[in-house]
Amino acid sequence: FDSRQLKGDIFAIFVIALAAAEAAIGLSILSSIHR
């Protein structure tokens, strides 16, 4: 079990979650502006 590989996986999941949160925030801001 490679700890470096595990760290990479956690980092990838963190980056994906961050991007998803950013997209959700951006969409909510856009929709509030358009309203």
PDB file of N, CA and C in Angstrom:
ATOM      1  N   PHE A   1       0.859  -1.195   0.000  1.00  0.00           N
ATOM      2  CA  PHE A   1       0.000   0.000   0.000  1.00  0.00           C
ATOM      3  C   PHE A   1       0.893   1.242   0.000  1.00  0.00           C
ATOM      4  N   ASP A   2       0.851   2.000  -1.069  1.00  0.00           N
ATOM      5  CA  ASP A   2       1.747   3.149  -1.212  1.00  0.00           C
ATOM      6  C   ASP A   2       1.092   4.402  -0.634  1.00  0.00           C
ATOM      7  N   SER A   3       1.731   5.007   0.347  1.00  0.00           N
ATOM      8  CA  SER A   3       1.153   6.202   0.980  1.00  0.00           C
ATOM      9  C   SER A   3       1.166   7.384   0.014  1.00  0.00           C
ATOM     10  N   ARG A   4       2.173   7.427  -0.875  1.00  0.00           N
ATOM     11  CA  ARG A   4       2.218   8.513  -1.864  1.00  0.00           C
ATOM     12  C   ARG A   4       1.017   8.432  -2.795  1.00  0.00           C
ATOM     13  N   GLN A   5       0.667   7.217  -3.210  1.00  0.00           N
ATOM     14  CA  GLN A   5      -0.490   7.039  -4.093  1.00  0.00           C
ATOM     15  C   GLN A   5      -1.767   7.473  -3.371  1.00  0.00           C
ATOM     16  N   LEU A   6      -1.877   7.126  -2.107  1.00  0.00           N
ATOM     17  CA  LEU A   6      -3.054   7.490  -1.312  1.00  0.00           C
ATOM     18  C   LEU A   6      -3.157   9.009  -1.211  1.00  0.00           C
ATOM     19  N   LYS A   7      -2.027   9.669  -0.958  1.00  0.00           N
ATOM     20  CA  LYS A   7      -2.027  11.133  -0.878  1.00  0.00           C
ATOM     21  C   LYS A   7      -2.469  11.740  -2.202  1.00  0.00           C
ATOM     22  N   GLY A   8      -2.011  11.176  -3.304  1.00  0.00           N
ATOM     23  CA  GLY A   8      -2.399  11.673  -4.623  1.00  0.00           C
ATOM     24  C   GLY A   8      -3.895  11.549  -4.838  1.00  0.00           C
ATOM     25  N   ASP A   9      -4.452  10.396  -4.418  1.00  0.00           N
ATOM     26  CA  ASP A   9      -5.891  10.173  -4.582  1.00  0.00           C
ATOM     27  C   ASP A   9      -6.678  11.186  -3.760  1.00  0.00           C
ATOM     28  N   ILE A  10      -6.259  11.398  -2.518  1.00  0.00           N
ATOM     29  CA  ILE A  10      -6.958  12.350  -1.646  1.00  0.00           C
ATOM     30  C   ILE A  10      -6.875  13.753  -2.231  1.00  0.00           C
ATOM     31  N   PHE A  11      -5.688  14.096  -2.759  1.00  0.00           N
ATOM     32  CA  PHE A  11      -5.501  15.424  -3.353  1.00  0.00           C
ATOM     33  C   PHE A  11      -6.406  15.595  -4.565  1.00  0.00           C
ATOM     34  N   ALA A  12      -6.499  14.536  -5.405  1.00  0.00           N
ATOM     35  CA  ALA A  12      -7.337  14.603  -6.606  1.00  0.00           C
ATOM     36  C   ALA A  12      -8.802  14.793  -6.212  1.00  0.00           C
ATOM     37  N   ILE A  13      -9.250  14.040  -5.216  1.00  0.00           N
ATOM     38  CA  ILE A  13     -10.641  14.150  -4.757  1.00  0.00           C
ATOM     39  C   ILE A  13     -10.899  15.556  -4.205  1.00  0.00           C
ATOM     40  N   PHE A  14      -9.901  16.088  -3.461  1.00  0.00           N
ATOM     41  CA  PHE A  14     -10.030  17.430  -2.886  1.00  0.00           C
ATOM     42  C   PHE A  14     -10.148  18.478  -3.981  1.00  0.00           C
ATOM     43  N   VAL A  15      -9.314  18.342  -5.021  1.00  0.00           N
ATOM     44  CA  VAL A  15      -9.338  19.303  -6.132  1.00  0.00           C
ATOM     45  C   VAL A  15     -10.679  19.242  -6.856  1.00  0.00           C
ATOM     46  N   ILE A  16     -11.195  18.018  -7.075  1.00  0.00           N
ATOM     47  CA  ILE A  16     -12.476  17.856  -7.771  1.00  0.00           C
ATOM     48  C   ILE A  16     -13.602  18.471  -6.927  1.00  0.00           C
ATOM     49  N   ALA A  17     -13.568  18.224  -5.620  1.00  0.00           N
ATOM     50  CA  ALA A  17     -14.596  18.776  -4.734  1.00  0.00           C
ATOM     51  C   ALA A  17     -14.531  20.302  -4.728  1.00  0.00           C
ATOM     52  N   LEU A  18     -13.306  20.832  -4.707  1.00  0.00           N
ATOM     53  CA  LEU A  18     -13.122  22.284  -4.719  1.00  0.00           C
ATOM     54  C   LEU A  18     -13.677  22.881  -6.008  1.00  0.00           C
ATOM     55  N   ALA A  19     -13.397  22.230  -7.138  1.00  0.00           N
ATOM     56  CA  ALA A  19     -13.883  22.724  -8.428  1.00  0.00           C
ATOM     57  C   ALA A  19     -15.410  22.674  -8.469  1.00  0.00           C
ATOM     58  N   ALA A  20     -15.995  21.606  -7.924  1.00  0.00           N
ATOM     59  CA  ALA A  20     -17.449  21.476  -7.914  1.00  0.00           C
ATOM     60  C   ALA A  20     -18.073  22.570  -7.048  1.00  0.00           C
ATOM     61  N   ALA A  21     -17.464  22.838  -5.893  1.00  0.00           N
ATOM     62  CA  ALA A  21     -17.985  23.885  -5.009  1.00  0.00           C
ATOM     63  C   ALA A  21     -17.871  25.249  -5.686  1.00  0.00           C
ATOM     64  N   GLU A  22     -16.742  25.462  -6.360  1.00  0.00           N
ATOM     65  CA  GLU A  22     -16.536  26.734  -7.055  1.00  0.00           C
ATOM     66  C   GLU A  22     -17.578  26.911  -8.156  1.00  0.00           C
ATOM     67  N   ALA A  23     -17.856  25.844  -8.897  1.00  0.00           N
ATOM     68  CA  ALA A  23     -18.838  25.905  -9.978  1.00  0.00           C
ATOM     69  C   ALA A  23     -20.223  26.198  -9.398  1.00  0.00           C
ATOM     70  N   ALA A  24     -20.553  25.558  -8.273  1.00  0.00           N
ATOM     71  CA  ALA A  24     -21.862  25.774  -7.654  1.00  0.00           C
ATOM     72  C   ALA A  24     -21.996  27.217  -7.177  1.00  0.00           C
ATOM     73  N   ILE A  25     -20.935  27.742  -6.574  1.00  0.00           N
ATOM     74  CA  ILE A  25     -20.966  29.129  -6.097  1.00  0.00           C
ATOM     75  C   ILE A  25     -21.100  30.085  -7.283  1.00  0.00           C
ATOM     76  N   GLY A  26     -20.338  29.815  -8.348  1.00  0.00           N
ATOM     77  CA  GLY A  26     -20.403  30.660  -9.538  1.00  0.00           C
ATOM     78  C   GLY A  26     -21.794  30.653 -10.153  1.00  0.00           C
ATOM     79  N   LEU A  27     -22.405  29.470 -10.209  1.00  0.00           N
ATOM     80  CA  LEU A  27     -23.744  29.362 -10.788  1.00  0.00           C
ATOM     81  C   LEU A  27     -24.762  30.118  -9.934  1.00  0.00           C
ATOM     82  N   SER A  28     -24.648  29.990  -8.619  1.00  0.00           N
ATOM     83  CA  SER A  28     -25.599  30.685  -7.743  1.00  0.00           C
ATOM     84  C   SER A  28     -25.438  32.201  -7.863  1.00  0.00           C
ATOM     85  N   ILE A  29     -24.200  32.663  -7.991  1.00  0.00           N
ATOM     86  CA  ILE A  29     -23.963  34.105  -8.167  1.00  0.00           C
ATOM     87  C   ILE A  29     -24.548  34.571  -9.498  1.00  0.00           C
ATOM     88  N   LEU A  30     -24.311  33.786 -10.552  1.00  0.00           N
ATOM     89  CA  LEU A  30     -24.836  34.146 -11.876  1.00  0.00           C
ATOM     90  C   LEU A  30     -26.359  34.214 -11.850  1.00  0.00           C
ATOM     91  N   SER A  31     -26.995  33.199 -11.240  1.00  0.00           N
ATOM     92  CA  SER A  31     -28.461  33.169 -11.222  1.00  0.00           C
ATOM     93  C   SER A  31     -29.016  34.326 -10.388  1.00  0.00           C
ATOM     94  N   SER A  32     -28.327  34.690  -9.319  1.00  0.00           N
ATOM     95  CA  SER A  32     -28.811  35.803  -8.491  1.00  0.00           C
ATOM     96  C   SER A  32     -28.648  37.126  -9.235  1.00  0.00           C
ATOM     97  N   ILE A  33     -27.616  37.242 -10.055  1.00  0.00           N
ATOM     98  CA  ILE A  33     -27.420  38.465 -10.842  1.00  0.00           C
ATOM     99  C   ILE A  33     -28.496  38.564 -11.928  1.00  0.00           C
ATOM    100  N   HIS A  34     -28.781  37.433 -12.567  1.00  0.00           N
ATOM    101  CA  HIS A  34     -29.735  37.444 -13.684  1.00  0.00           C
ATOM    102  C   HIS A  34     -31.159  37.699 -13.218  1.00  0.00           C
ATOM    103  N   ARG A  35     -31.451  37.438 -11.931  1.00  0.00           N
ATOM    104  CA  ARG A  35     -32.816  37.579 -11.471  1.00  0.00           C
ATOM    105  C   ARG A  35     -33.232  39.023 -11.293  1.00  0.00           C
TER     106      ARG A  35
END
